[in-house]
Amino acid sequence: MTTLNFCAECNNLLYPQVDRSTQTLLNACRNCPYKEEAQNKMVFRNDLMSVTKEQAGVIDQLMKDPTLPRSTEHTCPRCGHHESVFFQDQSKRILNRMIYFFVCTACNELFRDDSIKT
C-alpha cells in the first residue's frame, strides 16, 4: 500500500527523486531542500496516451441538456428535423479551426456542418 509522505520542514508533499551518486531513492520536497530516503522502493507511473481527432465523445441525451445552445438553421441529415443543439470540438489542434458538432433534438443524430467557416 502506498502512502503519501510530507515534508518535515514545510508540510508539502514529497516526490520521488533518485540520488544518482549513491543510487538510492529519495523523497524530496519541491519547495525546500528537505530530502529523506524512501522507505517504500516502489514508484508508480501513469502514462496517459491521447489521440486528438475530431470526435464528439458521448452524445447520449445531449438534446435534453438545457445549457447547450440550440439552432434551427441546420437540417439533420438523417431525419430532416430542423432543431439541434450544438457544441464546439474540445480537442487540441495545430490549426486554430473551430469545429461545431450538432445533435438533432428529434433522433439524436450527430453531424457537422462543414459549410461553417470559422
Protein backbone atom coordinates (compact mmCIF):
# COMPACT_ATOMS: atom_id res chain seq x y z
CA MET A 1 0.00 0.00 0.00
CA THR A 2 1.33 3.38 -0.96
CA THR A 3 1.24 6.27 1.47
CA LEU A 4 1.77 9.95 0.92
CA ASN A 5 4.82 11.45 2.55
CA PHE A 6 5.05 15.05 3.67
CA CYS A 7 7.99 17.36 4.26
CA ALA A 8 9.10 17.64 7.89
CA GLU A 9 10.02 21.31 7.40
CA CYS A 10 7.17 22.83 5.36
CA ASN A 11 4.47 20.07 5.27
CA ASN A 12 4.32 19.95 1.46
CA LEU A 13 4.04 16.71 -0.47
CA LEU A 14 7.27 14.78 -1.07
CA TYR A 15 8.01 13.43 -4.55
CA PRO A 16 10.29 10.55 -5.59
CA GLN A 17 13.79 11.52 -6.66
CA VAL A 18 16.90 9.46 -7.47
CA ASP A 19 20.26 10.26 -5.94
CA ARG A 20 22.50 9.05 -8.76
CA SER A 21 25.72 9.30 -6.75
CA THR A 22 24.54 6.77 -4.13
CA GLN A 23 21.92 5.02 -6.31
CA THR A 24 19.19 5.50 -3.70
CA LEU A 25 15.59 6.53 -3.97
CA LEU A 26 14.70 9.66 -2.05
CA ASN A 27 11.54 11.53 -1.20
CA ALA A 28 12.24 15.19 -1.90
CA CYS A 29 10.32 18.38 -1.30
CA ARG A 30 9.83 20.67 -4.29
CA ASN A 31 9.56 23.80 -2.12
CA CYS A 32 12.54 23.46 0.19
CA PRO A 33 15.80 21.46 0.23
CA TYR A 34 14.40 18.69 2.52
CA LYS A 35 15.09 15.09 1.38
CA GLU A 36 14.76 11.73 3.08
CA GLU A 37 15.48 8.19 2.00
CA ALA A 38 12.37 6.45 0.71
CA GLN A 39 11.06 3.61 2.89
CA ASN A 40 8.94 2.15 0.10
CA LYS A 41 11.02 1.44 -3.00
CA MET A 42 8.05 1.32 -5.39
CA VAL A 43 7.31 4.21 -7.72
CA PHE A 44 4.15 4.28 -9.78
CA ARG A 45 3.95 5.80 -13.22
CA ASN A 46 0.74 6.66 -15.03
CA ASP A 47 1.17 7.31 -18.74
CA LEU A 48 -1.80 8.87 -20.46
CA MET A 49 -1.99 8.39 -24.19
CA SER A 50 -4.21 10.80 -26.04
CA VAL A 51 -5.24 10.83 -29.64
CA THR A 52 -6.62 14.10 -30.89
CA LYS A 53 -9.25 13.62 -33.53
CA GLU A 54 -12.44 15.34 -34.46
CA GLN A 55 -14.59 13.28 -32.12
CA ALA A 56 -17.66 14.36 -30.29
CA GLY A 57 -17.42 11.92 -27.40
CA VAL A 58 -20.56 10.68 -25.65
CA ILE A 59 -23.67 12.32 -27.08
CA ASP A 60 -26.35 10.32 -25.28
CA GLN A 61 -29.21 12.60 -24.17
CA LEU A 62 -27.43 15.80 -25.23
CA MET A 63 -30.60 17.06 -26.90
CA LYS A 64 -32.16 17.42 -23.42
CA ASP A 65 -29.27 19.46 -21.99
CA PRO A 66 -30.68 22.94 -21.22
CA THR A 67 -27.21 24.52 -21.06
CA LEU A 68 -26.35 23.85 -24.71
CA PRO A 69 -27.22 26.43 -27.36
CA ARG A 70 -29.90 25.48 -29.89
CA SER A 71 -30.05 26.10 -33.61
CA THR A 72 -32.84 25.88 -36.20
CA GLU A 73 -30.56 26.71 -39.13
CA HIS A 74 -29.17 23.20 -39.74
CA THR A 75 -31.15 20.26 -41.08
CA CYS A 76 -30.49 16.78 -39.70
CA PRO A 77 -29.10 14.54 -42.47
CA ARG A 78 -30.91 11.51 -41.04
CA CYS A 79 -34.47 12.68 -40.32
CA GLY A 80 -34.69 16.20 -41.80
CA HIS A 81 -35.57 17.83 -38.46
CA HIS A 82 -34.52 21.49 -38.19
CA GLU A 83 -33.75 21.85 -34.47
CA SER A 84 -30.43 20.79 -32.97
CA VAL A 85 -28.14 21.53 -30.07
CA PHE A 86 -24.52 22.29 -30.83
CA PHE A 87 -21.13 22.43 -29.15
CA GLN A 88 -17.54 23.09 -30.10
CA ASP A 89 -14.92 20.40 -30.59
CA GLN A 90 -12.72 20.28 -27.45
CA SER A 91 -9.59 18.66 -28.83
CA LYS A 92 -6.31 20.48 -29.18
CA ARG A 93 -5.22 21.21 -32.68
CA ILE A 94 -2.32 22.70 -34.53
CA LEU A 95 -4.52 24.90 -36.66
CA ASN A 96 -6.99 27.21 -34.95
CA ARG A 97 -10.01 25.96 -36.86
CA MET A 98 -13.12 25.54 -34.73
CA ILE A 99 -15.40 22.60 -35.45
CA TYR A 100 -19.02 22.60 -34.35
CA PHE A 101 -20.91 19.38 -33.71
CA PHE A 102 -24.69 19.35 -33.94
CA VAL A 103 -27.02 16.82 -32.31
CA CYS A 104 -30.55 16.51 -33.69
CA THR A 105 -33.19 17.02 -30.99
CA ALA A 106 -35.53 14.53 -32.70
CA CYS A 107 -33.35 11.48 -33.47
CA ASN A 108 -30.07 12.20 -31.56
CA GLU A 109 -28.03 12.07 -34.78
CA LEU A 110 -24.57 13.63 -34.54
CA PHE A 111 -23.50 15.70 -37.55
CA ARG A 112 -21.18 18.52 -38.56
CA ASP A 113 -21.89 21.43 -40.83
CA ASP A 114 -18.74 21.82 -42.91
CA SER A 115 -20.11 24.91 -44.62
CA ILE A 116 -19.45 26.96 -41.44
CA LYS A 117 -16.20 28.86 -41.94
CA THR A 118 -14.54 29.96 -38.71
